[in-house]
Amino acid sequence: MSDPVVPRIVLLFSGKRKCGKDFLTERLLQRLTTDKAQIIRISEPIKRSWAEKLGLDLKELLGDGPYKERYRKEMIEWSDQKRAEDYGYFCRQACQGLTKEIGVVSDIRRKTDVRFFREQYGARVKTVRIVASEGTRVERGWTFQNGVDDVQSECDLDDVTEWDLLVENDSGADVDDILARIESLVQ
């Protein structure tokens, strides 16, 4: 078994649902190239474990459709229980697949997620907060859900003010400019 890769930089992306995190991180990956960078998602081991526990379709849980939404609230509650036992449980699982010099973590949701990555990678960690207005998020398909949009998984980082980069990603935003600003963190 080979030693785990120690990335040169780990970019942590945070933001509300439908702010454009996935879109921006996928586009960033294209610009950085897949031989140097990779996206890791904390949600992947959560969804994999949840699918195994209940015998669900993992591919559908990983998607962006109604199947995932049907299970979202219960999955959040279950993952919060696991995190209460070990705050780094899912972060550690997600990092097992990290093999490139640039790790792009597309779904930081909690202060404990940031803590885990800072403890693991120290000064190599750079944080990016993506914000979009409620109107833009609604245009992108977001609808407020009680027990989802008002709980720790969506709100824990709302009071954090120190980000290496704060990006506004409303409708009409210059994506190339946003990506160039994010790339400057990698230099």
Protein backbone atom coordinates (compact mmCIF):
# COMPACT_ATOMS: atom_id res chain seq x y z
CA MET A 1 0.00 0.00 0.00
CA SER A 2 1.45 3.40 -0.99
CA ASP A 3 1.74 6.35 1.33
CA PRO A 4 -1.03 8.92 1.11
CA VAL A 5 -0.33 11.93 -1.09
CA VAL A 6 0.38 15.17 0.70
CA PRO A 7 -1.13 17.80 -1.57
CA ARG A 8 0.65 21.09 -2.26
CA ILE A 9 -2.60 22.97 -1.66
CA VAL A 10 -6.10 22.14 -0.48
CA LEU A 11 -8.88 24.51 -1.54
CA LEU A 12 -11.95 24.38 0.68
CA PHE A 13 -15.17 25.62 -0.93
CA SER A 14 -18.17 26.68 1.14
CA GLY A 15 -21.55 28.11 0.25
CA LYS A 16 -25.29 27.62 0.44
CA ARG A 17 -27.21 25.20 -1.74
CA LYS A 18 -27.46 26.38 -5.35
CA CYS A 19 -24.78 29.07 -4.92
CA GLY A 20 -22.79 27.45 -7.74
CA LYS A 21 -20.08 25.57 -5.79
CA ASP A 22 -20.26 22.45 -7.94
CA PHE A 23 -20.33 24.41 -11.20
CA LEU A 24 -17.33 26.53 -10.21
CA THR A 25 -15.27 23.64 -8.84
CA GLU A 26 -15.92 21.56 -11.98
CA ARG A 27 -14.86 24.48 -14.19
CA LEU A 28 -11.82 25.09 -11.99
CA LEU A 29 -10.79 21.47 -12.39
CA GLN A 30 -10.89 21.87 -16.18
CA ARG A 31 -8.57 24.87 -15.94
CA LEU A 32 -6.15 23.30 -13.47
CA THR A 33 -6.18 19.97 -15.36
CA THR A 34 -7.00 16.60 -13.91
CA ASP A 35 -3.36 15.48 -13.87
CA LYS A 36 -2.64 18.14 -11.20
CA ALA A 37 -5.95 18.60 -9.38
CA GLN A 38 -8.97 16.64 -8.23
CA ILE A 39 -12.27 17.32 -6.56
CA ILE A 40 -13.09 15.50 -3.38
CA ARG A 41 -16.50 15.68 -1.80
CA ILE A 42 -17.25 15.11 1.86
CA SER A 43 -20.80 14.29 0.80
CA GLU A 44 -19.62 11.24 -1.17
CA PRO A 45 -18.70 9.04 1.82
CA ILE A 46 -21.81 10.29 3.64
CA LYS A 47 -24.04 9.26 0.75
CA ARG A 48 -22.15 6.00 0.20
CA SER A 49 -22.60 5.02 3.87
CA TRP A 50 -26.25 6.11 3.85
CA ALA A 51 -26.94 4.12 0.67
CA GLU A 52 -25.31 1.00 2.15
CA LYS A 53 -27.20 1.41 5.43
CA LEU A 54 -30.62 1.64 3.74
CA GLY A 55 -30.00 -0.25 0.50
CA LEU A 56 -30.45 2.88 -1.64
CA ASP A 57 -29.19 3.73 -5.12
CA LEU A 58 -25.85 5.52 -4.58
CA LYS A 59 -25.76 6.93 -8.11
CA GLU A 60 -29.12 8.62 -7.54
CA LEU A 61 -28.05 9.94 -4.12
CA LEU A 62 -24.94 11.46 -5.71
CA GLY A 63 -27.08 13.21 -8.33
CA ASP A 64 -28.99 16.45 -8.12
CA GLY A 65 -32.52 15.12 -8.45
CA PRO A 66 -35.58 14.43 -6.33
CA TYR A 67 -34.27 11.04 -5.15
CA LYS A 68 -31.56 12.73 -3.08
CA GLU A 69 -33.99 15.34 -1.80
CA ARG A 70 -36.29 12.58 -0.51
CA TYR A 71 -33.54 11.41 1.86
CA ARG A 72 -31.65 14.66 2.53
CA LYS A 73 -33.11 15.57 5.95
CA GLU A 74 -32.67 12.11 7.48
CA MET A 75 -29.21 11.77 5.95
CA ILE A 76 -28.16 15.10 7.52
CA GLU A 77 -29.46 14.03 10.93
CA TRP A 78 -27.66 10.67 10.69
CA SER A 79 -24.38 12.26 9.53
CA ASP A 80 -24.59 14.78 12.40
CA GLN A 81 -24.79 11.86 14.84
CA LYS A 82 -21.68 10.30 13.27
CA ARG A 83 -19.86 13.66 13.46
CA ALA A 84 -20.78 14.02 17.14
CA GLU A 85 -18.81 10.82 17.75
CA ASP A 86 -15.89 11.83 15.47
CA TYR A 87 -15.98 15.23 13.76
CA GLY A 88 -13.44 14.17 11.13
CA TYR A 89 -15.09 10.86 10.22
CA PHE A 90 -16.36 11.80 6.75
CA CYS A 91 -13.51 14.22 5.98
CA ARG A 92 -11.00 11.45 6.64
CA GLN A 93 -12.89 9.06 4.35
CA ALA A 94 -13.04 11.67 1.59
CA CYS A 95 -9.28 12.30 1.84
CA GLN A 96 -8.47 8.62 1.28
CA GLY A 97 -9.04 9.24 -2.41
CA LEU A 98 -6.76 12.30 -2.60
CA THR A 99 -3.98 11.52 -5.07
CA LYS A 100 -3.14 14.86 -6.74
CA GLU A 101 -1.07 17.89 -5.78
CA ILE A 102 -4.15 20.14 -5.62
CA GLY A 103 -7.17 18.98 -3.65
CA VAL A 104 -10.43 20.83 -4.26
CA VAL A 105 -12.93 20.10 -1.50
CA SER A 106 -16.20 21.24 -3.01
CA ASP A 107 -18.54 20.99 -0.04
CA ILE A 108 -17.23 22.29 3.27
CA ARG A 109 -20.28 22.79 5.50
CA ARG A 110 -19.12 23.01 9.12
CA LYS A 111 -16.46 24.65 11.25
CA THR A 112 -15.31 21.16 12.18
CA ASP A 113 -14.70 20.41 8.47
CA VAL A 114 -12.39 23.43 8.27
CA ARG A 115 -10.76 22.39 11.55
CA PHE A 116 -10.08 18.89 10.24
CA PHE A 117 -8.40 20.13 7.06
CA ARG A 118 -6.36 22.77 8.92
CA GLU A 119 -5.17 20.11 11.38
CA GLN A 120 -4.26 17.75 8.51
CA TYR A 121 -2.75 20.18 6.00
CA GLY A 122 -1.92 23.37 7.92
CA ALA A 123 -0.85 26.34 5.81
CA ARG A 124 -1.61 24.43 2.59
CA VAL A 125 -5.33 25.09 3.20
CA LYS A 126 -7.03 28.00 1.42
CA THR A 127 -10.71 28.77 1.98
CA VAL A 128 -13.21 30.04 -0.59
CA ARG A 129 -16.74 31.17 0.25
CA ILE A 130 -19.19 31.30 -2.66
CA VAL A 131 -22.23 33.51 -2.13
CA ALA A 132 -25.27 34.09 -4.33
CA SER A 133 -28.41 36.04 -3.62
CA GLU A 134 -31.56 34.21 -2.64
CA GLY A 135 -33.10 35.29 -5.96
CA THR A 136 -30.25 33.75 -7.94
CA ARG A 137 -30.44 30.56 -5.93
CA VAL A 138 -34.20 30.34 -6.58
CA GLU A 139 -33.53 30.80 -10.33
CA ARG A 140 -31.16 27.83 -10.07
CA GLY A 141 -33.87 25.64 -8.53
CA TRP A 142 -33.44 26.23 -4.79
CA THR A 143 -36.48 26.10 -2.53
CA PHE A 144 -36.21 26.62 1.22
CA GLN A 145 -36.73 23.38 3.18
CA ASN A 146 -37.34 23.32 6.92
CA GLY A 147 -34.86 21.03 8.63
CA VAL A 148 -32.42 21.37 5.72
CA ASP A 149 -31.75 25.04 5.05
CA ASP A 150 -32.00 26.13 8.68
CA VAL A 151 -29.70 23.57 10.33
CA GLN A 152 -25.97 23.26 10.98
CA SER A 153 -25.20 21.65 7.62
CA GLU A 154 -26.28 24.86 5.86
CA CYS A 155 -25.70 27.51 8.53
CA ASP A 156 -22.64 26.64 10.59
CA LEU A 157 -20.27 28.73 8.47
CA ASP A 158 -22.59 31.73 8.07
CA ASP A 159 -20.86 33.70 10.84
CA VAL A 160 -17.32 33.02 9.59
CA THR A 161 -15.85 36.24 8.22
CA GLU A 162 -12.27 35.22 7.47
CA TRP A 163 -12.01 33.58 4.06
CA ASP A 164 -8.98 33.59 1.79
CA LEU A 165 -11.41 34.50 -0.98
CA LEU A 166 -15.05 35.59 -0.92
CA VAL A 167 -16.75 35.22 -4.32
CA GLU A 168 -20.09 36.63 -5.39
CA ASN A 169 -21.66 34.26 -7.91
CA ASP A 170 -24.97 35.85 -8.81
CA SER A 171 -26.61 35.59 -12.23
CA GLY A 172 -24.45 37.26 -14.81
CA ALA A 173 -21.23 36.91 -12.80
CA ASP A 174 -18.03 36.78 -14.85
CA VAL A 175 -17.10 33.11 -14.38
CA ASP A 176 -13.67 33.53 -15.99
CA ASP A 177 -12.85 36.34 -13.55
CA ILE A 178 -14.05 34.25 -10.60
CA LEU A 179 -11.96 31.29 -11.71
CA ALA A 180 -8.89 33.48 -12.25
CA ARG A 181 -9.26 34.82 -8.70
CA ILE A 182 -9.53 31.29 -7.33
CA GLU A 183 -6.52 30.16 -9.40
CA SER A 184 -4.47 32.95 -7.83
CA LEU A 185 -4.76 31.08 -4.52
CA VAL A 186 -3.04 28.10 -6.11
CA GLN A 187 0.05 30.03 -7.26
